[in-house]
Amino acid sequence: MTATDLPVERPVETPPARRFRLSAPVLLLGLAGLVVLLSIARLVTGANDITSAGTVSAALGLAVPIGLAGLGGLWSERAGVVNIGLEGMMVLGTWFGAWGALQFHSPWAGVVAGAVGGALGAAIHAVATVTFGVDHIISGVAINIVGVGFTQYLSQLVFDGMPGGGTKNSPPLPKMGTVSLGFLDDPLRTVEAKHWFVLSDFAGVLRGITQGVSWFTILAILLVPLSFYILWRTPFGLRLRACGERPVAAESLGVNVYAYKWAAVIVSGVLAGLGGAFLSLVAAGIYRDGQTGGRGYIGLAAMIFGNWRPGGLAGGAALFGYTDALQLRQGGISVHALLLVVALLLVAVAVYQLVRQRRGGAALITAVVAIAVFVVFALTDTVPEQFTSFTPHLTTLLVLSLASQRLRMPAADGVPYRRGQAK
């Protein structure tokens, strides 16, 4: 028997790890579980406002501009262009949206004008980054600075002297229409007022998303599945994403990388401009200087939290909008009740890490944090006002820190590209 006749031991292949896929049933089950946790917190703390229709409606309105800004960042970064200038494009959208509504006496004209304003800022960003290869961060920061100064100049030039206008604000704007499912209002209101476990909470949530919803809000929500379809289900989207992953390989297949990056950045600006127009036309009904309040940056954080995917981005925007709505309504009482929800969620995460992922160390750390949060909840009755105003920003930091290990940005995101460059 020779050496070649001996049996060869083959290495045992480890089966690939199963990836968690967020399907529609899983999403609905997760949302139902979240409502149950909120209901438990409501019964324990008496903070009835955490699932009220008013809070849900306010959260929806606050989530829309964040989601639109994040969706704009998604389009740009999927093509490989980092867009820190979302805040500046939103600022342009707030002013141009107000100007368009006043000029043409129609809120929908303001919507179009806001989109054009954001696209103008995006065109500057595309010229700098795509055409001339300027560092993406520097270009974005410059747009944020220029956007604020430019709109302040335009306000003094156009709005100052108008009846009800000034150097820092516009006159009142034409109102955007709303839609309501009137046949659901009275039954849901009755069930919500009973404060029953779970049932009243579901009634509050449903009433918040079915009564007095702006047509602009519906448009913004529809843009999320539309973006998913275009980017992940069409040849155009495949080529655009290839420009953000392997632009040289895309070029070798005949893709005009410059054109796709330009298109993505312009769409990014349009979406950010729509987010700004929403603030002036729907959220406030008037343009004010500094109206965006950093929502462009929070939208960028929502995009990162969503792992550069539309569904996760929408969830992040909803989370940030909800925490913002809580601190605006019942303040310290509602945020204090949210501590119990966070503790229960962390316990669930710890169990998942231990049972499904076999990560004992991570589960232990998560459990310790959950106990610490619960202790803070048990030893306090409310949250200081100074802390509640910081809740949305703190949520942004915590979510990004917890989600950082599972994130994967496009491979060529922020990498300068020049036609004909070597791999």
Protein backbone atom coordinates (compact mmCIF):
# COMPACT_ATOMS: atom_id res chain seq x y z
CA MET A 1 0.00 0.00 0.00
CA THR A 2 1.44 3.35 -1.01
CA ALA A 3 0.85 6.75 0.48
CA THR A 4 -1.52 7.61 -2.31
CA ASP A 5 -3.74 4.63 -1.37
CA LEU A 6 -4.32 5.94 2.17
CA PRO A 7 -7.67 7.65 2.76
CA VAL A 8 -7.44 11.40 2.81
CA GLU A 9 -9.04 13.11 5.78
CA ARG A 10 -11.18 15.99 4.60
CA PRO A 11 -11.71 18.92 6.92
CA VAL A 12 -15.18 19.08 8.39
CA GLU A 13 -16.95 22.05 6.88
CA THR A 14 -18.74 24.25 9.33
CA PRO A 15 -22.25 25.00 8.11
CA PRO A 16 -22.69 28.66 7.30
CA ALA A 17 -24.32 30.73 10.00
CA ARG A 18 -27.94 31.43 9.37
CA ARG A 19 -28.54 35.09 8.75
CA PHE A 20 -31.50 36.75 10.37
CA ARG A 21 -33.95 37.91 7.72
CA LEU A 22 -36.55 40.54 8.54
CA SER A 23 -39.72 39.24 6.87
CA ALA A 24 -43.17 40.82 7.08
CA PRO A 25 -44.49 38.33 9.72
CA VAL A 26 -41.41 38.85 11.87
CA LEU A 27 -41.76 42.62 11.57
CA LEU A 28 -45.44 42.53 12.55
CA LEU A 29 -44.67 40.21 15.47
CA GLY A 30 -41.91 42.55 16.64
CA LEU A 31 -44.19 45.58 16.46
CA ALA A 32 -46.90 43.73 18.40
CA GLY A 33 -44.36 42.75 21.06
CA LEU A 34 -43.20 46.36 21.34
CA VAL A 35 -46.79 47.53 21.89
CA VAL A 36 -47.17 44.88 24.63
CA LEU A 37 -44.03 46.18 26.37
CA LEU A 38 -45.29 49.74 26.13
CA SER A 39 -48.62 48.61 27.58
CA ILE A 40 -46.86 46.98 30.54
CA ALA A 41 -44.90 50.18 31.15
CA ARG A 42 -48.09 52.23 30.92
CA LEU A 43 -49.87 50.10 33.51
CA VAL A 44 -46.90 50.12 35.89
CA THR A 45 -46.12 53.84 35.66
CA GLY A 46 -49.48 55.37 34.80
CA ALA A 47 -47.93 57.27 31.88
CA ASN A 48 -50.93 56.87 29.59
CA ASP A 49 -49.44 59.17 26.99
CA ILE A 50 -46.76 56.73 25.80
CA THR A 51 -49.26 54.96 23.53
CA SER A 52 -51.84 57.70 23.07
CA ALA A 53 -53.03 58.76 19.64
CA GLY A 54 -51.55 62.22 20.18
CA THR A 55 -48.08 60.82 20.85
CA VAL A 56 -48.22 58.45 17.88
CA SER A 57 -49.44 61.22 15.58
CA ALA A 58 -46.69 63.56 16.81
CA ALA A 59 -44.08 60.80 16.42
CA LEU A 60 -45.19 60.20 12.84
CA GLY A 61 -44.86 63.88 12.00
CA LEU A 62 -41.45 64.13 13.67
CA ALA A 63 -40.19 60.96 11.95
CA VAL A 64 -41.02 62.09 8.40
CA PRO A 65 -38.29 64.77 7.93
CA ILE A 66 -35.73 62.50 9.61
CA GLY A 67 -36.73 59.60 7.37
CA LEU A 68 -36.61 61.71 4.20
CA ALA A 69 -33.16 63.01 5.08
CA GLY A 70 -31.96 59.48 5.86
CA LEU A 71 -33.46 58.20 2.60
CA GLY A 72 -31.53 60.89 0.76
CA GLY A 73 -28.34 59.78 2.45
CA LEU A 74 -29.12 56.17 1.49
CA TRP A 75 -29.33 57.00 -2.23
CA SER A 76 -26.10 58.96 -2.16
CA GLU A 77 -24.03 56.53 -0.13
CA ARG A 78 -25.26 53.49 -2.03
CA ALA A 79 -23.56 55.12 -5.02
CA GLY A 80 -20.39 55.73 -3.00
CA VAL A 81 -20.81 59.44 -2.19
CA VAL A 82 -20.90 60.41 1.49
CA ASN A 83 -23.45 63.18 2.00
CA ILE A 84 -22.79 65.10 5.20
CA GLY A 85 -24.52 68.04 3.52
CA LEU A 86 -28.03 66.66 4.16
CA GLU A 87 -28.59 69.30 6.83
CA GLY A 88 -27.76 72.13 4.44
CA MET A 89 -29.99 70.64 1.73
CA MET A 90 -32.83 70.41 4.25
CA VAL A 91 -32.29 74.06 5.15
CA LEU A 92 -32.61 74.98 1.48
CA GLY A 93 -35.75 72.84 1.30
CA THR A 94 -37.39 74.71 4.20
CA TRP A 95 -36.86 78.12 2.57
CA PHE A 96 -37.67 77.15 -1.00
CA GLY A 97 -40.73 75.21 0.17
CA ALA A 98 -42.08 78.29 1.93
CA TRP A 99 -41.23 80.54 -1.01
CA GLY A 100 -42.91 78.23 -3.53
CA ALA A 101 -46.08 77.94 -1.44
CA LEU A 102 -46.33 81.72 -1.09
CA GLN A 103 -45.40 82.47 -4.69
CA PHE A 104 -47.94 80.10 -6.24
CA HIS A 105 -50.48 80.04 -3.38
CA SER A 106 -50.34 76.25 -3.14
CA PRO A 107 -48.63 73.93 -0.62
CA TRP A 108 -47.91 71.42 -3.41
CA ALA A 109 -46.02 74.12 -5.30
CA GLY A 110 -44.01 74.46 -2.09
CA VAL A 111 -43.31 70.72 -2.14
CA VAL A 112 -41.91 70.96 -5.67
CA ALA A 113 -39.91 74.10 -4.83
CA GLY A 114 -38.47 72.45 -1.71
CA ALA A 115 -37.34 69.47 -3.79
CA VAL A 116 -35.71 71.83 -6.30
CA GLY A 117 -33.95 73.71 -3.49
CA GLY A 118 -32.49 70.50 -2.11
CA ALA A 119 -31.45 69.45 -5.62
CA LEU A 120 -29.54 72.73 -6.05
CA GLY A 121 -27.49 71.97 -2.95
CA ALA A 122 -26.98 68.41 -4.17
CA ALA A 123 -25.77 69.64 -7.56
CA ILE A 124 -23.04 71.65 -5.82
CA HIS A 125 -22.07 68.57 -3.83
CA ALA A 126 -21.98 66.43 -7.00
CA VAL A 127 -19.82 68.96 -8.87
CA ALA A 128 -17.36 69.06 -5.99
CA THR A 129 -17.16 65.35 -5.16
CA VAL A 130 -17.99 63.47 -8.36
CA THR A 131 -16.62 65.83 -11.02
CA PHE A 132 -13.64 67.40 -9.23
CA GLY A 133 -12.91 64.76 -6.59
CA VAL A 134 -13.11 67.04 -3.55
CA ASP A 135 -13.18 65.27 -0.19
CA HIS A 136 -16.81 64.33 0.52
CA ILE A 137 -16.77 65.48 4.15
CA ILE A 138 -15.32 68.88 3.33
CA SER A 139 -17.88 69.45 0.58
CA GLY A 140 -20.77 68.42 2.84
CA VAL A 141 -19.70 70.67 5.69
CA ALA A 142 -19.31 73.57 3.27
CA ILE A 143 -22.87 73.03 1.97
CA ASN A 144 -24.20 73.05 5.53
CA ILE A 145 -22.53 76.38 6.20
CA VAL A 146 -23.46 77.96 2.88
CA GLY A 147 -27.06 76.72 3.10
CA VAL A 148 -27.67 78.51 6.38
CA GLY A 149 -26.09 81.77 5.22
CA PHE A 150 -27.80 81.70 1.83
CA THR A 151 -31.29 81.20 3.28
CA GLN A 152 -30.74 83.97 5.83
CA TYR A 153 -29.84 86.33 2.98
CA LEU A 154 -32.88 85.23 0.95
CA SER A 155 -35.16 85.75 3.96
CA GLN A 156 -34.01 89.34 4.33
CA LEU A 157 -34.41 89.87 0.60
CA VAL A 158 -37.85 88.24 0.11
CA PHE A 159 -39.77 87.73 3.38
CA ASP A 160 -38.81 90.95 5.16
CA GLY A 161 -41.52 93.47 4.39
CA MET A 162 -44.24 90.92 3.66
CA PRO A 163 -47.29 91.02 5.98
CA GLY A 164 -46.41 88.68 8.82
CA GLY A 165 -42.90 88.08 7.48
CA GLY A 166 -39.50 89.12 8.79
CA THR A 167 -35.77 88.63 8.42
CA LYS A 168 -35.93 85.23 10.13
CA ASN A 169 -39.39 83.96 9.22
CA SER A 170 -41.95 83.86 6.44
CA PRO A 171 -45.64 84.80 6.56
CA PRO A 172 -48.05 81.95 7.41
CA LEU A 173 -48.11 79.38 4.61
CA PRO A 174 -51.05 77.70 2.83
CA LYS A 175 -52.15 74.62 4.74
CA MET A 176 -51.59 71.10 3.46
CA GLY A 177 -54.68 68.87 3.31
CA THR A 178 -55.12 65.87 5.60
CA VAL A 179 -56.90 62.52 5.33
CA SER A 180 -58.74 60.61 8.08
CA LEU A 181 -60.59 57.31 8.30
CA GLY A 182 -63.54 58.88 10.05
CA PHE A 183 -65.45 55.64 10.63
CA LEU A 184 -62.62 54.43 12.90
CA ASP A 185 -62.32 57.56 15.03
CA ASP A 186 -65.14 57.07 17.55
CA PRO A 187 -64.64 53.30 18.14
CA LEU A 188 -60.89 53.69 18.59
CA ARG A 189 -61.30 56.75 20.82
CA THR A 190 -63.72 54.81 23.05
CA VAL A 191 -61.41 51.81 23.41
CA GLU A 192 -58.37 54.04 24.02
CA ALA A 193 -60.17 55.91 26.84
CA LYS A 194 -60.80 52.62 28.71
CA HIS A 195 -57.04 52.16 29.34
CA TRP A 196 -57.34 48.39 28.88
CA PHE A 197 -54.22 46.29 28.73
CA VAL A 198 -52.89 46.05 25.14
CA LEU A 199 -56.29 46.71 23.50
CA SER A 200 -56.31 50.40 24.41
CA ASP A 201 -52.69 50.72 23.34
CA PHE A 202 -53.38 49.22 19.91
CA ALA A 203 -56.39 51.52 19.60
CA GLY A 204 -54.22 54.54 20.40
CA VAL A 205 -51.60 53.53 17.84
CA LEU A 206 -54.18 52.88 15.11
CA ARG A 207 -55.99 56.13 15.83
CA GLY A 208 -52.73 58.06 15.67
CA ILE A 209 -51.88 56.75 12.18
CA THR A 210 -55.39 56.95 10.70
CA GLN A 211 -56.66 60.38 11.79
CA GLY A 212 -55.51 63.75 10.47
CA VAL A 213 -52.57 62.40 8.44
CA SER A 214 -51.13 64.87 5.97
CA TRP A 215 -51.02 63.92 2.30
CA PHE A 216 -47.34 64.87 2.41
CA THR A 217 -46.81 62.25 5.14
CA ILE A 218 -48.41 59.57 2.95
CA LEU A 219 -46.15 60.61 0.06
CA ALA A 220 -43.08 60.35 2.31
CA ILE A 221 -44.07 56.88 3.54
CA LEU A 222 -44.58 55.63 -0.02
CA LEU A 223 -41.09 56.81 -0.97
CA VAL A 224 -39.55 54.14 1.31
CA PRO A 225 -40.85 51.04 -0.57
CA LEU A 226 -40.40 52.89 -3.86
CA SER A 227 -36.71 53.45 -3.07
CA PHE A 228 -36.32 49.80 -2.10
CA TYR A 229 -37.89 48.66 -5.35
CA ILE A 230 -35.75 50.94 -7.52
CA LEU A 231 -32.46 50.21 -5.76
CA TRP A 232 -32.89 46.45 -5.24
CA ARG A 233 -35.29 45.29 -7.92
CA THR A 234 -34.29 47.16 -11.09
CA PRO A 235 -31.21 47.12 -13.37
CA PHE A 236 -30.78 50.84 -12.68
CA GLY A 237 -30.57 50.18 -8.94
CA LEU A 238 -28.12 47.31 -9.44
CA ARG A 239 -25.78 49.52 -11.47
CA LEU A 240 -26.08 52.35 -8.95
CA ARG A 241 -25.21 50.08 -6.03
CA ALA A 242 -22.32 48.63 -8.03
CA CYS A 243 -20.90 52.15 -8.24
CA GLY A 244 -20.83 52.23 -4.45
CA GLU A 245 -19.32 48.77 -4.07
CA ARG A 246 -16.92 48.23 -7.01
CA PRO A 247 -16.92 51.27 -9.31
CA VAL A 248 -13.94 50.05 -11.36
CA ALA A 249 -15.66 46.72 -12.01
CA ALA A 250 -18.87 48.56 -12.92
CA GLU A 251 -16.89 50.74 -15.36
CA SER A 252 -15.41 47.65 -16.98
CA LEU A 253 -18.96 46.45 -17.71
CA GLY A 254 -19.87 49.67 -19.47
CA VAL A 255 -21.55 51.52 -16.60
CA ASN A 256 -21.11 55.29 -16.67
CA VAL A 257 -20.08 55.63 -13.03
CA TYR A 258 -20.04 59.44 -13.08
CA ALA A 259 -23.61 59.60 -14.40
CA TYR A 260 -24.94 57.18 -11.77
CA LYS A 261 -23.17 58.99 -8.94
CA TRP A 262 -24.57 62.30 -10.19
CA ALA A 263 -28.08 60.84 -10.38
CA ALA A 264 -27.84 59.39 -6.86
CA VAL A 265 -26.62 62.66 -5.33
CA ILE A 266 -29.36 64.69 -7.06
CA VAL A 267 -32.04 62.29 -5.81
CA SER A 268 -30.44 62.56 -2.37
CA GLY A 269 -30.83 66.33 -2.47
CA VAL A 270 -34.43 66.08 -3.69
CA LEU A 271 -35.35 63.83 -0.76
CA ALA A 272 -33.55 66.02 1.78
CA GLY A 273 -35.25 69.09 0.29
CA LEU A 274 -38.61 67.36 0.69
CA GLY A 275 -37.76 66.76 4.34
CA GLY A 276 -37.06 70.46 4.78
CA ALA A 277 -40.26 71.44 2.95
CA PHE A 278 -42.23 69.17 5.29
CA LEU A 279 -40.93 71.14 8.28
CA SER A 280 -42.07 74.49 6.93
CA LEU A 281 -45.29 73.41 5.17
CA VAL A 282 -46.70 70.74 7.50
CA ALA A 283 -44.90 70.65 10.84
CA ALA A 284 -44.95 74.42 11.46
CA GLY A 285 -46.99 76.06 8.71
CA ILE A 286 -44.34 78.78 8.53
CA TYR A 287 -40.65 79.09 7.67
CA ARG A 288 -38.29 79.96 10.54
CA ASP A 289 -34.55 80.37 10.61
CA GLY A 290 -32.85 77.28 12.08
CA GLN A 291 -35.96 75.18 11.58
CA THR A 292 -34.18 71.91 10.82
CA GLY A 293 -32.63 71.64 14.28
CA GLY A 294 -30.00 69.11 13.23
CA ARG A 295 -32.50 66.67 11.75
CA GLY A 296 -30.24 66.17 8.73
CA TYR A 297 -27.58 64.71 11.02
CA ILE A 298 -30.15 62.57 12.85
CA GLY A 299 -31.38 61.34 9.45
CA LEU A 300 -27.81 60.32 8.66
CA ALA A 301 -27.71 58.44 11.97
CA ALA A 302 -31.02 56.73 11.11
CA MET A 303 -29.53 55.61 7.80
CA ILE A 304 -26.48 54.12 9.55
CA PHE A 305 -28.72 52.48 12.17
CA GLY A 306 -30.70 50.92 9.32
CA ASN A 307 -27.49 49.46 7.86
CA TRP A 308 -27.94 51.37 4.61
CA ARG A 309 -31.31 49.69 3.99
CA PRO A 310 -34.70 51.45 3.57
CA GLY A 311 -36.59 49.30 6.08
CA GLY A 312 -34.07 49.70 8.87
CA LEU A 313 -33.82 53.40 8.07
CA ALA A 314 -37.59 53.79 8.49
CA GLY A 315 -37.40 52.00 11.83
CA GLY A 316 -34.61 54.29 13.01
CA ALA A 317 -36.53 57.40 11.95
CA ALA A 318 -39.62 56.13 13.79
CA LEU A 319 -37.56 55.51 16.93
CA PHE A 320 -36.03 58.98 16.92
CA GLY A 321 -39.41 60.58 16.14
CA TYR A 322 -41.07 58.69 18.99
CA THR A 323 -38.52 59.71 21.61
CA ASP A 324 -38.77 63.30 20.41
CA ALA A 325 -42.57 63.18 20.68
CA LEU A 326 -42.38 61.80 24.22
CA GLN A 327 -40.19 64.60 25.50
CA LEU A 328 -42.44 67.20 23.86
CA ARG A 329 -45.67 65.91 25.45
CA GLN A 330 -45.38 64.54 28.99
CA GLY A 331 -41.65 65.15 29.33
CA GLY A 332 -40.08 63.51 32.36
CA ILE A 333 -43.02 61.19 33.13
CA SER A 334 -43.10 59.56 29.70
CA VAL A 335 -39.31 59.33 29.40
CA HIS A 336 -39.20 57.75 32.87
CA ALA A 337 -41.70 55.11 31.71
CA LEU A 338 -39.52 54.53 28.66
CA LEU A 339 -36.70 53.43 30.99
CA LEU A 340 -38.77 50.38 31.96
CA VAL A 341 -39.35 49.57 28.29
CA VAL A 342 -35.62 49.83 27.63
CA ALA A 343 -34.84 47.51 30.56
CA LEU A 344 -37.33 44.90 29.29
CA LEU A 345 -35.96 45.14 25.75
CA LEU A 346 -32.40 44.66 27.01
CA VAL A 347 -33.50 41.54 28.91
CA ALA A 348 -35.00 40.16 25.69
CA VAL A 349 -31.79 40.95 23.80
CA ALA A 350 -29.71 39.22 26.49
CA VAL A 351 -31.86 36.07 26.24
CA TYR A 352 -31.55 36.12 22.44
CA GLN A 353 -27.76 36.49 22.63
CA LEU A 354 -27.50 33.60 25.09
CA VAL A 355 -29.93 31.13 23.51
CA ARG A 356 -29.68 31.79 19.76
CA GLN A 357 -26.23 33.34 19.30
CA ARG A 358 -24.39 31.45 22.08
CA ARG A 359 -22.64 34.65 23.13
CA GLY A 360 -22.47 34.34 26.90
CA GLY A 361 -20.17 37.33 27.43
CA ALA A 362 -22.31 39.70 25.38
CA ALA A 363 -25.46 38.40 27.08
CA LEU A 364 -23.93 39.05 30.51
CA ILE A 365 -22.98 42.63 29.62
CA THR A 366 -26.46 43.30 28.21
CA ALA A 367 -28.08 41.85 31.34
CA VAL A 368 -25.93 44.05 33.59
CA VAL A 369 -26.94 47.14 31.62
CA ALA A 370 -30.60 46.07 31.86
CA ILE A 371 -30.32 45.76 35.64
CA ALA A 372 -28.67 49.19 35.86
CA VAL A 373 -31.45 50.79 33.81
CA PHE A 374 -34.10 49.08 35.95
CA VAL A 375 -32.43 50.29 39.16
CA VAL A 376 -32.47 53.86 37.85
CA PHE A 377 -36.16 53.43 36.98
CA ALA A 378 -37.01 51.99 40.41
CA LEU A 379 -35.19 54.69 42.39
CA THR A 380 -36.66 57.66 40.53
CA ASP A 381 -40.16 58.99 39.86
CA THR A 382 -39.40 61.24 36.93
CA VAL A 383 -36.57 62.38 34.68
CA PRO A 384 -35.09 65.89 34.96
CA GLU A 385 -36.29 68.33 32.31
CA GLN A 386 -32.72 68.98 31.17
CA PHE A 387 -32.37 65.28 30.36
CA THR A 388 -35.70 64.91 28.54
CA SER A 389 -34.81 67.58 25.98
CA PHE A 390 -31.64 65.61 25.22
CA THR A 391 -33.51 62.30 24.84
CA PRO A 392 -33.62 62.17 21.00
CA HIS A 393 -29.90 62.90 20.72
CA LEU A 394 -29.02 60.42 23.48
CA THR A 395 -31.13 57.80 21.70
CA THR A 396 -29.14 58.47 18.53
CA LEU A 397 -25.83 57.88 20.32
CA LEU A 398 -27.01 54.73 22.13
CA VAL A 399 -28.57 53.15 19.04
CA LEU A 400 -25.47 53.74 16.93
CA SER A 401 -23.17 52.35 19.62
CA LEU A 402 -25.29 49.20 20.05
CA ALA A 403 -25.69 48.65 16.30
CA SER A 404 -22.09 49.40 15.31
CA GLN A 405 -20.94 45.75 15.25
CA ARG A 406 -23.46 44.62 12.62
CA LEU A 407 -23.07 47.53 10.22
CA ARG A 408 -21.57 47.23 6.76
CA MET A 409 -21.31 50.33 4.67
CA PRO A 410 -20.87 50.17 0.87
CA ALA A 411 -17.29 49.15 0.15
CA ALA A 412 -16.42 52.24 -1.93
CA ASP A 413 -18.42 54.73 0.15
CA GLY A 414 -16.44 57.97 0.36
CA VAL A 415 -13.60 56.66 -1.82
CA PRO A 416 -12.63 59.13 -4.59
CA TYR A 417 -13.21 57.68 -8.05
CA ARG A 418 -11.52 58.66 -11.30
CA ARG A 419 -12.32 57.08 -14.63
CA GLY A 420 -9.74 54.54 -15.75
CA GLN A 421 -8.08 54.13 -12.36
CA ALA A 422 -6.53 50.77 -11.51
CA LYS A 423 -8.26 48.35 -9.18
